[in-house]
Amino acid sequence: MKHILLQKALKYKRRKEVEAPKGFSFDSLLDAWTNNSDKTFLIEAIGFKALASKKEDVETGEDQKGQ
């Protein structure tokens, strides 16, 4: 019989690789993604939606209690 935490814990697929956004490259001196043409930050780009945190944390929230 498995422990209750092992029975109820949600499992997430681990990403193998993070793809670079099109038209942007990572600047290690600035520690940020910058646009290849005008050097603006990715975070300031129109329509940008962050996919994950820098540390690849998975946000689970409190709404999954009891599942």
C-alpha atoms as a PDB file:
ATOM      1  CA  MET A   1       0.000   0.000   0.000  1.00  0.00           C
ATOM      2  CA  LYS A   2       1.389   3.401  -1.050  1.00  0.00           C
ATOM      3  CA  HIS A   3       1.637   6.318   1.338  1.00  0.00           C
ATOM      4  CA  ILE A   4      -1.297   8.747   1.010  1.00  0.00           C
ATOM      5  CA  LEU A   5       0.971  11.518  -0.282  1.00  0.00           C
ATOM      6  CA  LEU A   6       2.225   9.260  -3.054  1.00  0.00           C
ATOM      7  CA  GLN A   7      -1.360   8.353  -3.953  1.00  0.00           C
ATOM      8  CA  LYS A   8      -2.670  11.933  -4.058  1.00  0.00           C
ATOM      9  CA  ALA A   9       0.367  13.896  -5.273  1.00  0.00           C
ATOM     10  CA  LEU A  10       0.074  15.419  -8.744  1.00  0.00           C
ATOM     11  CA  LYS A  11       2.843  14.597 -11.188  1.00  0.00           C
ATOM     12  CA  TYR A  12       4.155  17.114 -13.700  1.00  0.00           C
ATOM     13  CA  LYS A  13       6.083  16.489 -16.885  1.00  0.00           C
ATOM     14  CA  ARG A  14       9.559  17.936 -16.676  1.00  0.00           C
ATOM     15  CA  ARG A  15      10.677  20.076 -19.569  1.00  0.00           C
ATOM     16  CA  LYS A  16      13.809  18.801 -21.229  1.00  0.00           C
ATOM     17  CA  GLU A  17      14.804  22.054 -22.860  1.00  0.00           C
ATOM     18  CA  VAL A  18      13.693  25.670 -22.928  1.00  0.00           C
ATOM     19  CA  GLU A  19      13.424  27.049 -26.456  1.00  0.00           C
ATOM     20  CA  ALA A  20      14.687  30.540 -27.198  1.00  0.00           C
ATOM     21  CA  PRO A  21      11.954  33.010 -28.188  1.00  0.00           C
ATOM     22  CA  LYS A  22      12.038  33.862 -31.904  1.00  0.00           C
ATOM     23  CA  GLY A  23      13.929  37.069 -32.604  1.00  0.00           C
ATOM     24  CA  PHE A  24      15.514  37.210 -29.144  1.00  0.00           C
ATOM     25  CA  SER A  25      18.773  36.039 -27.631  1.00  0.00           C
ATOM     26  CA  PHE A  26      19.980  35.761 -24.048  1.00  0.00           C
ATOM     27  CA  ASP A  27      22.449  38.428 -22.923  1.00  0.00           C
ATOM     28  CA  SER A  28      24.479  36.960 -20.052  1.00  0.00           C
ATOM     29  CA  LEU A  29      25.845  40.380 -19.032  1.00  0.00           C
ATOM     30  CA  LEU A  30      22.321  41.763 -18.600  1.00  0.00           C
ATOM     31  CA  ASP A  31      20.965  38.379 -17.466  1.00  0.00           C
ATOM     32  CA  ALA A  32      17.935  38.922 -19.707  1.00  0.00           C
ATOM     33  CA  TRP A  33      16.453  38.075 -23.121  1.00  0.00           C
ATOM     34  CA  THR A  34      16.927  40.931 -25.585  1.00  0.00           C
ATOM     35  CA  ASN A  35      15.545  41.641 -29.057  1.00  0.00           C
ATOM     36  CA  ASN A  36      18.134  40.919 -31.749  1.00  0.00           C
ATOM     37  CA  SER A  37      17.263  44.030 -33.772  1.00  0.00           C
ATOM     38  CA  ASP A  38      16.688  46.834 -31.244  1.00  0.00           C
ATOM     39  CA  LYS A  39      18.067  45.347 -27.979  1.00  0.00           C
ATOM     40  CA  THR A  40      14.821  45.915 -26.027  1.00  0.00           C
ATOM     41  CA  PHE A  41      13.956  43.418 -23.300  1.00  0.00           C
ATOM     42  CA  LEU A  42      11.669  40.474 -24.026  1.00  0.00           C
ATOM     43  CA  ILE A  43       9.617  41.249 -20.928  1.00  0.00           C
ATOM     44  CA  GLU A  44       8.687  44.623 -22.491  1.00  0.00           C
ATOM     45  CA  ALA A  45       7.626  43.121 -25.834  1.00  0.00           C
ATOM     46  CA  ILE A  46       3.991  43.578 -26.840  1.00  0.00           C
ATOM     47  CA  GLY A  47       2.074  40.334 -26.453  1.00  0.00           C
ATOM     48  CA  PHE A  48       4.739  38.613 -24.357  1.00  0.00           C
ATOM     49  CA  LYS A  49       3.384  36.002 -21.932  1.00  0.00           C
ATOM     50  CA  ALA A  50       5.805  34.411 -19.494  1.00  0.00           C
ATOM     51  CA  LEU A  51       5.734  30.621 -19.733  1.00  0.00           C
ATOM     52  CA  ALA A  52       7.536  29.820 -16.494  1.00  0.00           C
ATOM     53  CA  SER A  53       9.606  31.297 -13.751  1.00  0.00           C
ATOM     54  CA  LYS A  54      13.369  31.616 -14.006  1.00  0.00           C
ATOM     55  CA  LYS A  55      13.793  28.555 -11.792  1.00  0.00           C
ATOM     56  CA  GLU A  56      11.179  26.538 -13.709  1.00  0.00           C
ATOM     57  CA  ASP A  57       8.826  26.440 -10.722  1.00  0.00           C
ATOM     58  CA  VAL A  58       5.389  25.015 -11.411  1.00  0.00           C
ATOM     59  CA  GLU A  59       2.629  27.123  -9.900  1.00  0.00           C
ATOM     60  CA  THR A  60       0.008  24.788  -8.470  1.00  0.00           C
ATOM     61  CA  GLY A  61      -2.119  27.135  -6.402  1.00  0.00           C
ATOM     62  CA  GLU A  62      -4.400  26.247  -3.557  1.00  0.00           C
ATOM     63  CA  ASP A  63      -7.384  25.341  -5.725  1.00  0.00           C
ATOM     64  CA  GLN A  64      -6.462  21.663  -6.104  1.00  0.00           C
ATOM     65  CA  LYS A  65      -7.157  20.670  -2.511  1.00  0.00           C
ATOM     66  CA  GLY A  66      -9.195  17.533  -2.126  1.00  0.00           C
ATOM     67  CA  GLN A  67      -8.370  16.124  -5.556  1.00  0.00           C
END
